[in-house]
Amino acid sequence: MLKQNFLKLFNKENIQKDSVFMEMVIKGQEILELTDSQISKKMMITKPTYERWKKGANFPHKYMRPGILEFFLKEMVNEQY
């Protein structure tokens, strides 16, 4: 159920808003059940960068956000057996 809600809540247009992007990062991590270290390693970014996104301290460029959404969606598909 969480995955379906994720798909309804987040899309390429609305993740351009910082608050929505931050919520996507938090909910995506919750669904995948990954630690900050695990998810930052999979994204190939530093753990402090990922933590800043979660806290809203800074965000990736808006052109990069659709790729991050795509990362979460692919990981959710890969998680299914």
Protein backbone atom coordinates (compact mmCIF):
# COMPACT_ATOMS: atom_id res chain seq x y z
CA MET A 1 0.00 0.00 0.00
CA LEU A 2 2.84 2.39 0.77
CA LYS A 3 4.30 1.94 -2.71
CA GLN A 4 1.01 2.78 -4.41
CA ASN A 5 0.69 5.91 -2.27
CA PHE A 6 4.25 6.86 -3.20
CA LEU A 7 3.34 6.68 -6.88
CA LYS A 8 0.26 8.83 -6.33
CA LEU A 9 2.04 11.45 -4.23
CA PHE A 10 5.21 12.06 -6.21
CA ASN A 11 5.78 12.92 -9.86
CA LYS A 12 8.34 14.82 -11.92
CA GLU A 13 6.41 18.07 -11.66
CA ASN A 14 5.64 18.28 -7.95
CA ILE A 15 9.07 17.16 -6.71
CA GLN A 16 10.40 20.47 -7.98
CA LYS A 17 9.02 21.96 -4.75
CA ASP A 18 11.59 21.59 -1.97
CA SER A 19 9.05 20.48 0.64
CA VAL A 20 7.65 17.76 -1.64
CA PHE A 21 11.16 16.57 -2.57
CA MET A 22 12.07 16.31 1.11
CA GLU A 23 8.91 14.29 1.80
CA MET A 24 9.70 12.00 -1.15
CA VAL A 25 13.17 11.28 0.19
CA ILE A 26 11.84 10.46 3.65
CA LYS A 27 8.93 8.30 2.43
CA GLY A 28 11.06 6.53 -0.17
CA GLN A 29 13.61 5.55 2.43
CA GLU A 30 10.84 4.38 4.77
CA ILE A 31 9.34 2.14 2.07
CA LEU A 32 12.71 0.68 1.10
CA GLU A 33 13.63 0.14 4.76
CA LEU A 34 17.20 1.34 4.21
CA THR A 35 19.48 3.25 6.57
CA ASP A 36 20.97 6.60 5.59
CA SER A 37 24.27 4.84 4.90
CA GLN A 38 22.70 2.17 2.72
CA ILE A 39 20.63 4.55 0.63
CA SER A 40 23.43 7.07 0.14
CA LYS A 41 25.73 4.26 -1.00
CA LYS A 42 23.13 3.04 -3.52
CA MET A 43 22.68 6.62 -4.77
CA MET A 44 26.45 7.10 -4.90
CA ILE A 45 26.34 10.25 -2.81
CA THR A 46 27.80 11.01 0.60
CA LYS A 47 25.81 10.24 3.72
CA PRO A 48 25.98 13.90 4.88
CA THR A 49 24.51 15.03 1.54
CA TYR A 50 21.60 12.61 1.91
CA GLU A 51 21.04 13.69 5.51
CA ARG A 52 20.92 17.36 4.42
CA TRP A 53 18.22 16.48 1.88
CA LYS A 54 16.17 14.76 4.58
CA LYS A 55 16.49 17.72 6.93
CA GLY A 56 15.80 20.28 4.23
CA ALA A 57 19.17 21.95 4.75
CA ASN A 58 19.88 21.82 1.02
CA PHE A 59 18.62 20.07 -2.09
CA PRO A 60 19.92 18.79 -5.40
CA HIS A 61 19.40 20.92 -8.48
CA LYS A 62 15.86 20.70 -9.83
CA TYR A 63 17.12 19.03 -13.02
CA MET A 64 18.51 16.16 -10.93
CA ARG A 65 15.31 15.46 -9.00
CA PRO A 66 13.52 13.36 -11.66
CA GLY A 67 16.50 10.99 -11.65
CA ILE A 68 16.25 10.66 -7.89
CA LEU A 69 12.53 9.90 -8.18
CA GLU A 70 13.43 7.28 -10.79
CA PHE A 71 15.97 5.77 -8.39
CA PHE A 72 13.29 5.27 -5.73
CA LEU A 73 10.85 3.78 -8.24
CA LYS A 74 13.42 1.33 -9.62
CA GLU A 75 14.47 0.27 -6.12
CA MET A 76 10.84 -0.37 -5.22
CA VAL A 77 10.38 -2.54 -8.31
CA ASN A 78 13.62 -4.43 -7.58
CA GLU A 79 12.46 -5.04 -4.03
CA GLN A 80 9.42 -7.02 -5.23
CA TYR A 81 9.88 -10.76 -5.64
